[in-house]
Amino acid sequence: MRIITISLAALALTACETYSSSPYMASTQNVIDIEDRVGEARVRLGDFSSDPEVNDRPICRLTAPLDVSPGVPVSEYVRQAMLTELHQARVHSSSADTVIEGTLDRLAFSATGTGSWGFTLSLRSNRHPDGYTVSSEHAFSTSFDGHMACTNGINAFAPAVSTLINAAVNHPEFPRLAGAQ
């Protein structure tokens, strides 16, 4: 009986591993693209929300949750990442008339075969109420070993968000969204 209890306790402890993402770092390319596309316009970010179907803690290989946005909803992680990019590009102003809002419509994750993160994000502003929607896919290397595959997956999350932001700021409607047109 004691061996069974110890075995169950060991199994429970090993199954409770959680992988957490790193803080977001601005992408030089995204910052340059924002500066080039927005010019002198200034924006502020409003609320970002998630579709109710978006899972903020996807499971990696049916064993471990991925804490992609420690302490905040994943939509807020995306918002803060975009805010970081806008600040670096000197485009964000808390008093700007143009307010950009967003909805994270899809978050997809796979750590089998070629790993990938997938996103769909809808953006709108008071200058462009209909807004637009972008989707992005970001591939990463996985591994036969589950631990390494999940580690690679969580390490690819911030770069995947950068890929999403790149798609958003390079959309043909971004200058209009930002009030630059």
C-alpha atoms as a PDB file:
ATOM      1  CA  MET A   1       0.000   0.000   0.000  1.00  0.00           C
ATOM      2  CA  ARG A   2       2.831   2.378   0.873  1.00  0.00           C
ATOM      3  CA  ILE A   3       4.448   1.835  -2.545  1.00  0.00           C
ATOM      4  CA  ILE A   4       1.171   2.620  -4.303  1.00  0.00           C
ATOM      5  CA  THR A   5       0.742   5.815  -2.284  1.00  0.00           C
ATOM      6  CA  ILE A   6       4.309   6.953  -3.022  1.00  0.00           C
ATOM      7  CA  SER A   7       3.891   6.117  -6.713  1.00  0.00           C
ATOM      8  CA  LEU A   8       0.646   8.077  -6.953  1.00  0.00           C
ATOM      9  CA  ALA A   9       2.194  11.050  -5.160  1.00  0.00           C
ATOM     10  CA  ALA A  10       5.193  11.017  -7.519  1.00  0.00           C
ATOM     11  CA  LEU A  11       2.907  10.816 -10.549  1.00  0.00           C
ATOM     12  CA  ALA A  12       0.784  13.705  -9.284  1.00  0.00           C
ATOM     13  CA  LEU A  13       3.846  15.888  -8.705  1.00  0.00           C
ATOM     14  CA  THR A  14       5.343  15.206 -12.131  1.00  0.00           C
ATOM     15  CA  ALA A  15       2.025  15.867 -13.885  1.00  0.00           C
ATOM     16  CA  CYS A  16       1.732  19.322 -12.316  1.00  0.00           C
ATOM     17  CA  GLU A  17       4.550  20.959 -14.255  1.00  0.00           C
ATOM     18  CA  THR A  18       3.580  24.305 -15.779  1.00  0.00           C
ATOM     19  CA  TYR A  19       5.527  26.129 -18.466  1.00  0.00           C
ATOM     20  CA  SER A  20       5.510  29.953 -18.286  1.00  0.00           C
ATOM     21  CA  SER A  21       6.314  32.381 -21.082  1.00  0.00           C
ATOM     22  CA  SER A  22       8.922  35.109 -20.958  1.00  0.00           C
ATOM     23  CA  PRO A  23       8.165  38.816 -20.859  1.00  0.00           C
ATOM     24  CA  TYR A  24       7.616  40.366 -24.278  1.00  0.00           C
ATOM     25  CA  MET A  25      10.505  42.205 -25.924  1.00  0.00           C
ATOM     26  CA  ALA A  26       9.900  44.716 -28.713  1.00  0.00           C
ATOM     27  CA  SER A  27      10.807  43.677 -32.236  1.00  0.00           C
ATOM     28  CA  THR A  28      13.060  46.141 -34.047  1.00  0.00           C
ATOM     29  CA  GLN A  29      11.347  45.320 -37.343  1.00  0.00           C
ATOM     30  CA  ASN A  30       7.880  45.955 -35.897  1.00  0.00           C
ATOM     31  CA  VAL A  31       9.008  49.280 -34.432  1.00  0.00           C
ATOM     32  CA  ILE A  32      10.470  50.392 -37.766  1.00  0.00           C
ATOM     33  CA  ASP A  33       7.321  49.302 -39.605  1.00  0.00           C
ATOM     34  CA  ILE A  34       5.107  51.250 -37.185  1.00  0.00           C
ATOM     35  CA  GLU A  35       7.236  54.384 -37.525  1.00  0.00           C
ATOM     36  CA  ASP A  36       7.188  54.119 -41.335  1.00  0.00           C
ATOM     37  CA  ARG A  37       3.452  53.484 -41.609  1.00  0.00           C
ATOM     38  CA  VAL A  38       2.077  55.880 -38.985  1.00  0.00           C
ATOM     39  CA  GLY A  39       4.331  58.909 -39.299  1.00  0.00           C
ATOM     40  CA  GLU A  40       3.303  61.704 -36.937  1.00  0.00           C
ATOM     41  CA  ALA A  41      -0.016  60.151 -35.862  1.00  0.00           C
ATOM     42  CA  ARG A  42      -0.441  59.245 -32.200  1.00  0.00           C
ATOM     43  CA  VAL A  43      -2.619  56.468 -30.796  1.00  0.00           C
ATOM     44  CA  ARG A  44      -3.580  54.968 -27.493  1.00  0.00           C
ATOM     45  CA  LEU A  45      -4.720  51.462 -26.810  1.00  0.00           C
ATOM     46  CA  GLY A  46      -8.136  50.757 -25.402  1.00  0.00           C
ATOM     47  CA  ASP A  47      -9.408  47.408 -24.232  1.00  0.00           C
ATOM     48  CA  PHE A  48      -8.384  44.095 -25.728  1.00  0.00           C
ATOM     49  CA  SER A  49     -10.616  41.093 -25.077  1.00  0.00           C
ATOM     50  CA  SER A  50     -10.753  37.437 -26.061  1.00  0.00           C
ATOM     51  CA  ASP A  51     -13.429  35.390 -27.699  1.00  0.00           C
ATOM     52  CA  PRO A  52     -14.911  33.085 -25.023  1.00  0.00           C
ATOM     53  CA  GLU A  53     -13.558  30.071 -26.963  1.00  0.00           C
ATOM     54  CA  VAL A  54      -9.930  31.228 -26.543  1.00  0.00           C
ATOM     55  CA  ASN A  55      -8.133  29.073 -23.978  1.00  0.00           C
ATOM     56  CA  ASP A  56      -5.633  31.159 -21.971  1.00  0.00           C
ATOM     57  CA  ARG A  57      -3.819  28.022 -20.778  1.00  0.00           C
ATOM     58  CA  PRO A  58      -3.426  25.538 -23.614  1.00  0.00           C
ATOM     59  CA  ILE A  59      -2.262  22.043 -22.707  1.00  0.00           C
ATOM     60  CA  CYS A  60       1.017  20.767 -24.135  1.00  0.00           C
ATOM     61  CA  ARG A  61       0.978  17.138 -25.208  1.00  0.00           C
ATOM     62  CA  LEU A  62      -1.926  16.356 -22.890  1.00  0.00           C
ATOM     63  CA  THR A  63       0.285  16.711 -19.821  1.00  0.00           C
ATOM     64  CA  ALA A  64       1.254  20.255 -18.923  1.00  0.00           C
ATOM     65  CA  PRO A  65      -0.525  23.615 -19.080  1.00  0.00           C
ATOM     66  CA  LEU A  66       1.234  26.513 -20.779  1.00  0.00           C
ATOM     67  CA  ASP A  67       0.952  29.737 -18.799  1.00  0.00           C
ATOM     68  CA  VAL A  68       1.344  31.955 -21.853  1.00  0.00           C
ATOM     69  CA  SER A  69       0.465  35.188 -20.089  1.00  0.00           C
ATOM     70  CA  PRO A  70       1.405  34.854 -16.399  1.00  0.00           C
ATOM     71  CA  GLY A  71      -1.008  36.811 -14.239  1.00  0.00           C
ATOM     72  CA  VAL A  72      -3.087  38.353 -17.049  1.00  0.00           C
ATOM     73  CA  PRO A  73      -5.477  37.115 -19.758  1.00  0.00           C
ATOM     74  CA  VAL A  74      -3.755  36.306 -23.056  1.00  0.00           C
ATOM     75  CA  SER A  75      -5.587  39.234 -24.708  1.00  0.00           C
ATOM     76  CA  GLU A  76      -3.921  41.569 -22.190  1.00  0.00           C
ATOM     77  CA  TYR A  77      -0.514  40.025 -22.971  1.00  0.00           C
ATOM     78  CA  VAL A  78      -1.119  40.814 -26.664  1.00  0.00           C
ATOM     79  CA  ARG A  79      -2.260  44.342 -25.740  1.00  0.00           C
ATOM     80  CA  GLN A  80       0.823  44.941 -23.594  1.00  0.00           C
ATOM     81  CA  ALA A  81       3.058  43.585 -26.364  1.00  0.00           C
ATOM     82  CA  MET A  82       1.486  45.965 -28.874  1.00  0.00           C
ATOM     83  CA  LEU A  83       1.817  48.808 -26.365  1.00  0.00           C
ATOM     84  CA  THR A  84       5.530  48.001 -26.026  1.00  0.00           C
ATOM     85  CA  GLU A  85       5.933  48.234 -29.809  1.00  0.00           C
ATOM     86  CA  LEU A  86       3.978  51.515 -30.027  1.00  0.00           C
ATOM     87  CA  HIS A  87       6.021  53.045 -27.184  1.00  0.00           C
ATOM     88  CA  GLN A  88       9.289  52.041 -28.822  1.00  0.00           C
ATOM     89  CA  ALA A  89       8.077  53.625 -32.080  1.00  0.00           C
ATOM     90  CA  ARG A  90       7.080  56.781 -30.142  1.00  0.00           C
ATOM     91  CA  VAL A  91       3.541  56.506 -31.489  1.00  0.00           C
ATOM     92  CA  HIS A  92       1.660  55.843 -28.243  1.00  0.00           C
ATOM     93  CA  SER A  93       0.229  58.746 -26.266  1.00  0.00           C
ATOM     94  CA  SER A  94      -2.163  58.382 -23.356  1.00  0.00           C
ATOM     95  CA  SER A  95      -3.911  61.571 -24.537  1.00  0.00           C
ATOM     96  CA  ALA A  96      -4.240  60.617 -28.224  1.00  0.00           C
ATOM     97  CA  ASP A  97      -7.639  61.006 -29.872  1.00  0.00           C
ATOM     98  CA  THR A  98      -7.293  57.750 -31.814  1.00  0.00           C
ATOM     99  CA  VAL A  99      -8.082  54.704 -29.684  1.00  0.00           C
ATOM    100  CA  ILE A 100      -7.302  51.195 -30.948  1.00  0.00           C
ATOM    101  CA  GLU A 101      -9.138  48.206 -29.468  1.00  0.00           C
ATOM    102  CA  GLY A 102      -8.779  44.520 -30.207  1.00  0.00           C
ATOM    103  CA  THR A 103     -10.341  41.102 -29.850  1.00  0.00           C
ATOM    104  CA  LEU A 104      -8.299  37.922 -29.832  1.00  0.00           C
ATOM    105  CA  ASP A 105     -10.540  35.619 -31.855  1.00  0.00           C
ATOM    106  CA  ARG A 106      -8.309  32.539 -31.974  1.00  0.00           C
ATOM    107  CA  LEU A 107      -5.316  31.065 -30.167  1.00  0.00           C
ATOM    108  CA  ALA A 108      -4.126  27.693 -31.470  1.00  0.00           C
ATOM    109  CA  PHE A 109      -1.174  25.625 -30.273  1.00  0.00           C
ATOM    110  CA  SER A 110       0.453  22.408 -31.422  1.00  0.00           C
ATOM    111  CA  ALA A 111       3.632  20.752 -30.138  1.00  0.00           C
ATOM    112  CA  THR A 112       3.520  17.725 -32.419  1.00  0.00           C
ATOM    113  CA  GLY A 113       5.234  17.439 -35.784  1.00  0.00           C
ATOM    114  CA  THR A 114       6.216  20.978 -36.684  1.00  0.00           C
ATOM    115  CA  GLY A 115       5.073  22.977 -33.678  1.00  0.00           C
ATOM    116  CA  SER A 116       3.039  26.113 -34.194  1.00  0.00           C
ATOM    117  CA  TRP A 117       1.210  28.981 -32.572  1.00  0.00           C
ATOM    118  CA  GLY A 118      -1.740  30.424 -34.466  1.00  0.00           C
ATOM    119  CA  PHE A 119      -3.627  33.650 -33.807  1.00  0.00           C
ATOM    120  CA  THR A 120      -6.514  35.629 -35.212  1.00  0.00           C
ATOM    121  CA  LEU A 121      -6.847  39.222 -34.012  1.00  0.00           C
ATOM    122  CA  SER A 122      -9.520  41.779 -34.893  1.00  0.00           C
ATOM    123  CA  LEU A 123      -8.566  45.444 -34.534  1.00  0.00           C
ATOM    124  CA  ARG A 124     -10.756  48.548 -34.737  1.00  0.00           C
ATOM    125  CA  SER A 125     -10.491  52.203 -33.783  1.00  0.00           C
ATOM    126  CA  ASN A 126     -12.668  55.279 -33.608  1.00  0.00           C
ATOM    127  CA  ARG A 127     -11.005  56.302 -36.924  1.00  0.00           C
ATOM    128  CA  HIS A 128     -11.778  52.936 -38.526  1.00  0.00           C
ATOM    129  CA  PRO A 129     -14.781  51.405 -36.675  1.00  0.00           C
ATOM    130  CA  ASP A 130     -15.062  48.407 -39.027  1.00  0.00           C
ATOM    131  CA  GLY A 131     -11.389  47.683 -38.558  1.00  0.00           C
ATOM    132  CA  TYR A 132      -9.802  44.551 -39.912  1.00  0.00           C
ATOM    133  CA  THR A 133      -8.770  41.042 -38.918  1.00  0.00           C
ATOM    134  CA  VAL A 134      -5.349  39.445 -39.239  1.00  0.00           C
ATOM    135  CA  SER A 135      -4.200  35.877 -38.736  1.00  0.00           C
ATOM    136  CA  SER A 136      -0.699  34.593 -38.204  1.00  0.00           C
ATOM    137  CA  GLU A 137       1.051  31.275 -37.800  1.00  0.00           C
ATOM    138  CA  HIS A 138       4.444  30.904 -36.142  1.00  0.00           C
ATOM    139  CA  ALA A 139       6.294  27.595 -36.485  1.00  0.00           C
ATOM    140  CA  PHE A 140       8.860  26.282 -34.025  1.00  0.00           C
ATOM    141  CA  SER A 141      10.915  23.119 -33.601  1.00  0.00           C
ATOM    142  CA  THR A 142       9.536  20.424 -31.376  1.00  0.00           C
ATOM    143  CA  SER A 143      11.177  17.314 -30.013  1.00  0.00           C
ATOM    144  CA  PHE A 144      10.405  13.675 -29.463  1.00  0.00           C
ATOM    145  CA  ASP A 145      10.915  14.392 -25.761  1.00  0.00           C
ATOM    146  CA  GLY A 146       7.733  15.939 -24.329  1.00  0.00           C
ATOM    147  CA  HIS A 147       9.531  18.218 -21.883  1.00  0.00           C
ATOM    148  CA  MET A 148      11.702  19.708 -24.636  1.00  0.00           C
ATOM    149  CA  ALA A 149       8.718  20.070 -26.975  1.00  0.00           C
ATOM    150  CA  CYS A 150       6.754  21.987 -24.326  1.00  0.00           C
ATOM    151  CA  THR A 151       9.793  24.119 -23.443  1.00  0.00           C
ATOM    152  CA  ASN A 152      10.277  24.965 -27.126  1.00  0.00           C
ATOM    153  CA  GLY A 153       6.568  25.762 -27.382  1.00  0.00           C
ATOM    154  CA  ILE A 154       6.456  28.197 -24.489  1.00  0.00           C
ATOM    155  CA  ASN A 155       9.734  29.804 -25.599  1.00  0.00           C
ATOM    156  CA  ALA A 156       8.156  30.410 -29.020  1.00  0.00           C
ATOM    157  CA  PHE A 157       5.110  32.223 -27.602  1.00  0.00           C
ATOM    158  CA  ALA A 158       6.579  35.764 -27.397  1.00  0.00           C
ATOM    159  CA  PRO A 159       8.092  35.503 -30.910  1.00  0.00           C
ATOM    160  CA  ALA A 160       4.700  34.241 -32.114  1.00  0.00           C
ATOM    161  CA  VAL A 161       3.014  37.332 -30.629  1.00  0.00           C
ATOM    162  CA  SER A 162       5.627  39.448 -32.423  1.00  0.00           C
ATOM    163  CA  THR A 163       4.656  37.719 -35.685  1.00  0.00           C
ATOM    164  CA  LEU A 164       1.005  38.557 -34.969  1.00  0.00           C
ATOM    165  CA  ILE A 165       1.807  42.212 -34.309  1.00  0.00           C
ATOM    166  CA  ASN A 166       3.872  42.319 -37.495  1.00  0.00           C
ATOM    167  CA  ALA A 167       0.837  41.115 -39.446  1.00  0.00           C
ATOM    168  CA  ALA A 168      -1.337  43.740 -37.735  1.00  0.00           C
ATOM    169  CA  VAL A 169       0.936  46.728 -38.352  1.00  0.00           C
ATOM    170  CA  ASN A 170       1.711  45.710 -41.936  1.00  0.00           C
ATOM    171  CA  HIS A 171      -1.950  45.305 -42.876  1.00  0.00           C
ATOM    172  CA  PRO A 172      -2.892  47.826 -45.615  1.00  0.00           C
ATOM    173  CA  GLU A 173      -5.531  49.351 -43.284  1.00  0.00           C
ATOM    174  CA  PHE A 174      -3.163  49.995 -40.335  1.00  0.00           C
ATOM    175  CA  PRO A 175      -2.433  53.652 -41.247  1.00  0.00           C
ATOM    176  CA  ARG A 176      -6.192  54.329 -41.386  1.00  0.00           C
ATOM    177  CA  LEU A 177      -6.714  52.453 -38.097  1.00  0.00           C
ATOM    178  CA  ALA A 178      -4.051  54.663 -36.496  1.00  0.00           C
ATOM    179  CA  GLY A 179      -5.541  57.853 -37.924  1.00  0.00           C
ATOM    180  CA  ALA A 180      -2.588  58.471 -40.249  1.00  0.00           C
ATOM    181  CA  GLN A 181      -4.864  58.679 -43.320  1.00  0.00           C
END
